[in-house]
Protein backbone atom coordinates (compact mmCIF):
# COMPACT_ATOMS: atom_id res chain seq x y z
CA MET A 1 -156.70 -119.29 -231.59
CA LYS A 2 -155.41 -122.88 -231.34
CA ASN A 3 -151.94 -124.35 -231.38
CA GLU A 4 -150.75 -127.12 -233.69
CA GLN A 5 -152.30 -129.79 -231.40
CA GLY A 6 -155.71 -128.06 -231.67
CA ARG A 7 -155.62 -126.78 -228.09
CA LYS A 8 -156.52 -123.17 -227.31
CA VAL A 9 -153.46 -121.05 -226.64
CA GLY A 10 -153.04 -119.42 -223.25
CA ILE A 11 -150.59 -117.58 -221.08
CA LYS A 12 -148.59 -120.76 -220.45
CA ASP A 13 -148.00 -121.16 -224.19
CA VAL A 14 -146.66 -117.65 -224.32
CA ALA A 15 -144.34 -118.36 -221.37
CA ASP A 16 -143.06 -121.56 -223.00
CA ARG A 17 -142.33 -119.83 -226.31
CA ALA A 18 -140.65 -116.87 -224.65
CA GLU A 19 -138.80 -119.16 -222.21
CA VAL A 20 -139.88 -117.17 -219.18
CA ALA A 21 -142.12 -117.82 -216.10
CA VAL A 22 -145.85 -117.47 -216.37
CA SER A 23 -145.71 -114.68 -213.83
CA THR A 24 -143.34 -112.76 -216.04
CA VAL A 25 -145.79 -112.99 -218.90
CA SER A 26 -148.59 -111.73 -216.64
CA HIS A 27 -146.48 -108.76 -215.49
CA VAL A 28 -145.59 -107.82 -219.10
CA LEU A 29 -149.17 -108.06 -220.43
CA ASN A 30 -150.74 -106.30 -217.43
CA GLY A 31 -148.03 -103.80 -216.66
CA THR A 32 -147.90 -104.86 -212.96
CA ALA A 33 -144.11 -104.89 -212.51
CA PRO A 34 -140.98 -103.52 -214.19
CA ILE A 35 -139.52 -105.91 -216.74
CA SER A 36 -136.33 -105.45 -218.77
CA PRO A 37 -136.84 -104.23 -222.34
CA GLU A 38 -135.23 -107.39 -223.73
CA VAL A 39 -137.59 -109.77 -221.79
CA ARG A 40 -140.58 -107.61 -222.49
CA ALA A 41 -139.88 -107.66 -226.24
CA ARG A 42 -139.44 -111.45 -226.16
CA VAL A 43 -142.80 -111.95 -224.39
CA LEU A 44 -144.69 -109.64 -226.70
CA ASP A 45 -143.12 -111.25 -229.79
CA ALA A 46 -144.14 -114.71 -228.51
CA ALA A 47 -147.65 -113.57 -227.66
CA SER A 48 -148.10 -112.00 -231.02
CA ALA A 49 -146.62 -114.98 -232.94
CA ILE A 50 -149.08 -117.43 -231.50
CA GLY A 51 -152.05 -115.11 -231.71
CA TYR A 52 -152.52 -114.55 -228.02
CA LEU A 53 -152.45 -110.72 -228.20
CA ALA A 54 -155.20 -110.70 -230.83
CA LYS A 55 -157.20 -113.12 -228.75
CA ARG A 56 -157.03 -110.88 -225.67
CA ARG A 57 -158.12 -107.82 -227.62
CA GLU A 58 -160.98 -109.65 -229.29
CA LYS A 59 -162.35 -110.84 -225.95
CA ALA A 60 -162.20 -107.29 -224.61
CA ALA A 61 -163.97 -105.95 -227.65
CA ILE A 62 -166.80 -108.42 -227.34
CA ALA A 63 -167.28 -107.50 -223.69
CA VAL A 64 -167.29 -103.77 -224.32
CA LEU A 65 -169.42 -103.41 -227.48
CA ARG A 66 -172.81 -105.20 -227.61
CA SER A 67 -174.98 -103.07 -229.92
CA VAL A 68 -174.60 -100.16 -232.32
CA LEU A 69 -176.90 -97.85 -234.32
CA LEU A 70 -175.73 -97.94 -237.91
CA ALA A 71 -176.87 -94.71 -239.65
CA VAL A 72 -176.45 -94.83 -243.48
CA PRO A 73 -177.67 -92.89 -246.48
CA SER A 74 -180.14 -94.93 -248.52
CA ASP A 75 -178.03 -94.87 -251.66
CA THR A 76 -175.34 -96.90 -249.94
CA LEU A 77 -177.61 -99.94 -249.45
CA PRO A 78 -178.30 -101.32 -252.95
CA HIS A 79 -175.67 -103.74 -254.25
CA ASN A 80 -174.90 -102.65 -257.79
CA GLU A 81 -171.86 -102.13 -260.02
CA HIS A 82 -171.74 -98.38 -259.23
CA ASN A 83 -172.09 -98.71 -255.45
CA LEU A 84 -169.29 -101.17 -254.75
CA TYR A 85 -167.31 -98.74 -252.53
CA SER A 86 -169.99 -98.20 -249.91
CA TRP A 87 -171.38 -101.68 -250.27
CA THR A 88 -167.99 -103.29 -249.71
CA LEU A 89 -167.38 -101.15 -246.60
CA LEU A 90 -170.75 -102.00 -245.17
CA SER A 91 -170.59 -105.71 -245.94
CA THR A 92 -167.21 -106.11 -244.25
CA LEU A 93 -168.46 -104.17 -241.24
CA MET A 94 -171.58 -106.33 -241.04
CA ARG A 95 -169.46 -109.50 -241.14
CA GLU A 96 -167.24 -108.22 -238.37
CA CYS A 97 -170.21 -107.34 -236.17
CA GLU A 98 -171.70 -110.80 -236.80
CA ARG A 99 -168.42 -112.42 -235.85
CA ARG A 100 -168.31 -110.43 -232.61
CA ALA A 101 -172.01 -110.88 -231.90
CA ILE A 102 -172.60 -107.14 -231.99
CA HIS A 103 -176.24 -106.31 -232.64
CA ILE A 104 -176.88 -103.72 -235.37
CA VAL A 105 -179.82 -101.34 -235.33
CA PRO A 106 -180.10 -99.83 -238.87
CA LEU A 107 -181.34 -96.29 -239.66
CA GLU A 108 -181.55 -94.57 -243.07
CA VAL A 109 -180.60 -90.96 -242.49
CA ASP A 110 -182.07 -89.45 -245.59
CA ARG A 111 -185.59 -90.94 -245.85
CA PRO A 112 -186.72 -88.46 -244.54
CA ARG A 113 -183.62 -86.40 -243.74
CA VAL A 114 -182.81 -87.27 -240.15
CA SER A 115 -181.49 -84.63 -237.73
CA GLY A 116 -178.77 -85.32 -235.19
CA ALA A 117 -181.35 -84.97 -232.39
CA ARG A 118 -183.54 -87.57 -234.02
CA LEU A 119 -180.63 -89.89 -234.49
CA VAL A 120 -179.59 -89.57 -230.89
CA GLU A 121 -183.21 -90.14 -229.78
CA ARG A 122 -183.36 -93.36 -231.84
CA ALA A 123 -180.04 -94.52 -230.40
CA ARG A 124 -181.18 -93.97 -226.82
CA ALA A 125 -184.54 -95.66 -227.45
CA ALA A 126 -182.72 -98.70 -228.81
CA LYS A 127 -180.31 -98.61 -225.85
CA VAL A 128 -177.28 -99.07 -228.10
CA ASP A 129 -173.70 -98.60 -226.91
CA GLY A 130 -172.85 -96.18 -229.65
CA ILE A 131 -173.44 -94.80 -233.17
CA LEU A 132 -171.69 -95.56 -236.42
CA LEU A 133 -172.43 -92.94 -239.09
CA LEU A 134 -171.50 -93.58 -242.76
CA ASN A 135 -170.76 -90.74 -245.20
CA ASP A 136 -173.14 -88.16 -243.75
CA ASP A 137 -170.91 -85.37 -242.41
CA ARG A 138 -173.43 -82.54 -242.25
CA ARG A 139 -172.06 -80.08 -239.78
CA GLU A 140 -175.29 -79.62 -237.84
CA LEU A 141 -175.84 -83.37 -237.65
CA LEU A 142 -172.38 -83.93 -236.17
CA HIS A 143 -172.81 -81.05 -233.74
CA GLU A 144 -175.99 -82.48 -232.30
CA ILE A 145 -174.43 -85.96 -231.91
CA ALA A 146 -171.40 -84.42 -230.13
CA GLU A 147 -173.67 -82.33 -227.83
CA ALA A 148 -175.43 -85.46 -226.74
CA ARG A 149 -172.09 -86.96 -225.59
CA ILE A 150 -172.98 -90.40 -226.96
CA PRO A 151 -170.11 -92.52 -228.30
CA ALA A 152 -170.08 -92.11 -232.10
CA VAL A 153 -167.76 -92.62 -235.04
CA LEU A 154 -168.09 -91.11 -238.53
CA MET A 155 -166.95 -93.52 -241.26
CA ASN A 156 -165.75 -92.24 -244.68
CA GLY A 157 -166.39 -88.63 -243.82
CA GLU A 158 -164.76 -85.59 -242.22
CA ASP A 159 -165.87 -83.78 -239.11
CA GLN A 160 -164.25 -80.44 -239.94
CA GLU A 161 -164.80 -79.20 -236.39
CA MET A 162 -163.31 -82.36 -234.89
CA GLN A 163 -166.25 -82.92 -232.52
CA ILE A 164 -166.58 -86.69 -232.87
CA ASP A 165 -164.22 -89.56 -233.82
CA SER A 166 -163.90 -90.41 -237.48
CA VAL A 167 -162.09 -92.88 -239.79
CA THR A 168 -161.47 -92.21 -243.41
CA PRO A 169 -158.97 -93.08 -246.19
CA GLY A 170 -155.98 -90.87 -246.37
CA ASN A 171 -157.55 -89.15 -249.40
CA ARG A 172 -155.20 -86.20 -249.74
CA PHE A 173 -152.02 -88.19 -249.25
CA ALA A 174 -153.11 -90.99 -251.56
CA ALA A 175 -154.06 -88.53 -254.34
CA GLN A 176 -150.69 -86.83 -254.05
CA TYR A 177 -148.96 -90.19 -254.25
CA ALA A 178 -150.85 -91.24 -257.36
CA THR A 179 -150.25 -87.89 -259.09
CA ASN A 180 -146.61 -87.96 -258.09
CA TRP A 181 -146.26 -91.37 -259.70
CA LEU A 182 -147.67 -89.96 -262.93
CA ILE A 183 -145.19 -87.07 -262.80
CA GLN A 184 -142.38 -89.50 -262.22
CA GLN A 185 -143.50 -91.36 -265.40
CA GLY A 186 -142.92 -88.12 -267.34
CA HIS A 187 -146.50 -86.70 -267.38
CA ARG A 188 -146.78 -82.91 -266.98
CA SER A 189 -150.20 -82.04 -268.44
CA ILE A 190 -152.55 -84.01 -266.20
CA MET A 191 -156.32 -83.69 -265.75
CA HIS A 192 -158.01 -84.35 -262.43
CA LEU A 193 -161.61 -85.32 -263.16
CA THR A 194 -163.82 -84.77 -260.16
CA TRP A 195 -167.28 -83.55 -259.11
CA GLU A 196 -168.65 -81.24 -256.49
CA GLY A 197 -168.76 -83.85 -253.75
CA ARG A 198 -168.21 -83.88 -250.01
CA SER A 199 -164.95 -82.80 -248.35
CA THR A 200 -163.48 -86.28 -248.78
CA ILE A 201 -163.60 -85.75 -252.55
CA ARG A 202 -162.20 -82.30 -252.27
CA ARG A 203 -159.20 -83.74 -250.45
CA ARG A 204 -158.36 -85.78 -253.47
CA ARG A 205 -158.26 -82.62 -255.54
CA ASP A 206 -156.05 -81.00 -252.92
CA GLY A 207 -153.62 -83.93 -253.08
CA PHE A 208 -153.52 -83.71 -256.87
CA LEU A 209 -152.42 -80.06 -256.64
CA ASP A 210 -150.01 -80.83 -253.78
CA ALA A 211 -148.05 -83.16 -256.07
CA PHE A 212 -147.49 -80.38 -258.66
CA ARG A 213 -146.33 -78.03 -255.91
CA ALA A 214 -144.04 -80.63 -254.36
CA ASN A 215 -142.42 -81.25 -257.73
CA GLY A 216 -141.94 -77.62 -258.48
CA LEU A 217 -144.31 -77.74 -261.45
CA SER A 218 -146.63 -74.96 -262.66
CA LEU A 219 -150.30 -75.38 -261.74
CA GLU A 220 -151.13 -74.19 -265.26
CA THR A 221 -150.83 -77.77 -266.51
CA ALA A 222 -152.78 -79.20 -263.57
CA TYR A 223 -156.24 -79.19 -265.05
CA ILE A 224 -159.30 -79.56 -262.79
CA HIS A 225 -162.28 -80.73 -264.80
CA HIS A 226 -165.73 -81.34 -263.27
CA ALA A 227 -168.35 -83.94 -264.10
CA ALA A 228 -171.98 -83.43 -263.05
CA GLY A 229 -171.64 -86.30 -260.55
CA TYR A 230 -169.82 -89.53 -259.86
CA MET A 231 -171.65 -91.84 -262.22
CA PRO A 232 -169.78 -93.19 -265.29
CA GLU A 233 -172.13 -91.59 -267.82
CA MET A 234 -171.44 -88.18 -266.24
CA ALA A 235 -167.70 -88.66 -266.61
CA GLU A 236 -168.20 -89.80 -270.15
CA ALA A 237 -170.15 -86.62 -270.97
CA ALA A 238 -167.48 -84.48 -269.25
CA ILE A 239 -164.66 -85.94 -271.36
CA ASP A 240 -166.76 -85.62 -274.49
CA ARG A 241 -167.19 -81.89 -273.71
CA TRP A 242 -163.43 -81.48 -273.16
CA ILE A 243 -162.54 -83.29 -276.45
CA GLU A 244 -165.09 -81.17 -278.43
CA ARG A 245 -163.90 -77.92 -276.87
CA HIS A 246 -160.19 -78.63 -277.45
CA GLU A 247 -160.57 -80.63 -280.70
CA GLY A 248 -158.75 -83.45 -278.91
CA MET A 249 -157.15 -83.82 -275.49
CA GLY A 250 -155.48 -80.39 -275.63
CA GLY A 251 -152.12 -81.79 -274.63
CA ILE A 252 -153.43 -83.91 -271.76
CA THR A 253 -151.45 -87.11 -271.43
CA ALA A 254 -152.99 -88.52 -268.24
CA ILE A 255 -156.27 -88.34 -266.40
CA PHE A 256 -156.45 -88.94 -262.61
CA CYS A 257 -160.08 -89.57 -261.63
CA ALA A 258 -161.49 -88.90 -258.18
CA ALA A 259 -163.36 -92.26 -258.27
CA ASP A 260 -163.25 -95.51 -260.22
CA ASN A 261 -166.81 -94.83 -261.46
CA LEU A 262 -165.49 -91.70 -263.17
CA ALA A 263 -162.62 -93.69 -264.68
CA LEU A 264 -165.07 -96.18 -266.26
CA GLY A 265 -166.83 -93.30 -268.04
CA VAL A 266 -163.53 -91.73 -269.03
CA MET A 267 -162.35 -94.94 -270.65
CA LYS A 268 -165.58 -95.31 -272.58
CA SER A 269 -165.34 -91.77 -273.94
CA LEU A 270 -161.64 -92.18 -274.91
CA ARG A 271 -162.32 -95.43 -276.79
CA ARG A 272 -165.29 -93.92 -278.63
CA ASN A 273 -163.17 -90.89 -279.65
CA SER A 274 -160.38 -93.19 -280.88
CA PHE A 275 -157.86 -92.50 -278.11
CA ALA A 276 -155.82 -95.54 -277.11
CA MET A 277 -155.05 -96.30 -273.46
CA PRO A 278 -152.43 -96.03 -272.22
CA GLU A 279 -150.59 -95.19 -275.49
CA ASP A 280 -152.45 -91.82 -275.99
CA VAL A 281 -153.76 -91.17 -272.52
CA SER A 282 -153.01 -92.83 -269.18
CA VAL A 283 -155.94 -93.25 -266.77
CA ILE A 284 -155.95 -93.69 -263.00
CA GLY A 285 -158.95 -94.19 -260.76
CA PHE A 286 -159.52 -94.00 -257.02
CA ASP A 287 -161.29 -96.61 -254.80
CA GLY A 288 -159.91 -100.00 -255.90
CA VAL A 289 -163.26 -101.67 -256.45
CA ALA A 290 -163.34 -105.03 -258.20
CA LEU A 291 -164.54 -103.75 -261.59
CA GLY A 292 -161.14 -102.17 -262.24
CA GLU A 293 -159.65 -105.64 -262.85
CA LEU A 294 -162.23 -106.31 -265.56
CA THR A 295 -161.83 -103.19 -267.71
CA SER A 296 -159.88 -103.11 -270.93
CA PRO A 297 -157.12 -102.24 -270.27
CA PRO A 298 -157.24 -103.10 -266.53
CA LEU A 299 -157.59 -99.91 -264.47
CA THR A 300 -154.67 -98.53 -262.49
CA THR A 301 -156.22 -97.21 -259.28
CA VAL A 302 -155.69 -96.03 -255.75
CA SER A 303 -156.87 -98.96 -253.62
CA VAL A 304 -158.68 -97.95 -250.46
CA PRO A 305 -158.49 -100.46 -247.48
CA LEU A 306 -162.27 -100.79 -247.29
CA GLU A 307 -162.00 -104.12 -245.48
CA HIS A 308 -160.24 -102.41 -242.56
CA MET A 309 -162.36 -99.28 -242.21
CA GLY A 310 -165.26 -100.90 -240.36
CA ASN A 311 -162.98 -102.65 -237.91
CA ALA A 312 -161.09 -99.43 -237.23
CA ALA A 313 -164.41 -97.63 -236.58
CA LEU A 314 -165.43 -100.33 -234.06
CA HIS A 315 -162.11 -99.99 -232.32
CA LEU A 316 -162.52 -96.18 -231.99
CA LEU A 317 -166.04 -96.75 -230.62
CA GLU A 318 -164.68 -99.26 -228.08
CA GLN A 319 -162.03 -96.81 -226.97
CA ARG A 320 -164.64 -94.07 -226.53
CA ILE A 321 -166.89 -96.38 -224.45
CA VAL A 322 -163.99 -97.62 -222.27
CA ASN A 323 -163.00 -94.00 -221.58
CA ALA A 324 -166.52 -92.69 -221.04
CA ASN A 325 -165.62 -90.93 -217.84
CA THR A 326 -162.52 -89.21 -219.35
CA VAL A 327 -162.65 -86.02 -221.42
CA LEU A 328 -160.77 -87.16 -224.54
CA PRO A 329 -160.18 -85.09 -227.72
CA ALA A 330 -161.78 -86.38 -230.89
CA HIS A 331 -159.64 -88.73 -232.96
CA ARG A 332 -159.36 -88.55 -236.75
CA LEU A 333 -157.92 -91.81 -238.11
CA GLU A 334 -156.76 -91.84 -241.72
CA LEU A 335 -155.98 -95.21 -243.32
CA GLY A 336 -153.19 -95.56 -245.81
CA CYS A 337 -154.05 -96.42 -249.41
CA LYS A 338 -151.84 -98.05 -252.07
CA LEU A 339 -151.43 -97.52 -255.79
CA THR A 340 -152.36 -100.65 -257.77
CA ILE A 341 -150.64 -100.36 -261.13
CA ARG A 342 -152.31 -102.09 -264.03
CA GLY A 343 -152.44 -101.57 -267.80
CA SER A 344 -154.29 -98.23 -268.10
CA ALA A 345 -151.28 -96.07 -267.23
CA GLN A 346 -147.68 -96.11 -268.47
CA THR A 347 -144.50 -94.10 -268.72
CA LEU A 348 -144.80 -91.18 -271.09
CA THR A 349 -141.40 -91.62 -272.58
CA SER A 350 -142.14 -95.18 -273.62
CA ARG A 351 -144.66 -93.94 -276.19
């Protein structure tokens, strides 16, 4: 971080901006002496404003974390239009590791299916500082990693026994928020299109039902409909089946999809069956991948902060390494999502 003159900022710059002595800044940042709340707030505001706090943390992170084993399922690696969620998460993580000079040792966990013991063995052989595990939240795998007491963080997955640290989107809360928005727009007969996925996908279903309960609505009009999987063609087939069985939408005015991929298939089926969006049926996705901006109409979706998930996982890993001699409980970090409203959903009463 540099100031306007191109010089690197330091503790003296913080002192000048806060109008205090350099020693006061040192005491505030290191907690070495009691400082009044007003002065402490002024120093921290100044340090934050000129980027000094971020600089201190970054330097500490680089010193703590030198190498990680990145364990990923093989289907997350290809870059294609239906894998943008995992690919975006991984690419932002890789860029952050490159920026920090953190060495990555890759390992595919499903070719062949890797046990927790094998994963730990590979991590120790590579002499890494810790493990980052993406998506794979098999109970036995997580148990073996936890038993080895090696620093590890699960990304985009749930450790239901809370044995290791994890970071994931706030799936349940975000799904409730999106469904609540539809209810506020006047929708009452809403479908949640999902598939038999991992627990993270089930949380989205839970949030969908939570919204009905919170609004005092009957669950009889909260329809759970399953596709065979998360690919668009599977969603298309699922909606085709629904339309054929009900000779139309059966009163459904909105479809909340558990993934953007499903929403793409839903929109294709609705168009082919002569349903207009959003005039006849509103559609909402979940993920916030770039393709949603290019659909017709543009897809309303729950946007997941994928660009922050990798950095959050690295921070959890750093904290675990720093406190290696302390028995700490596992942390589950859920990142807030936002609803990105576009043209595929509208107020029911405006029809």
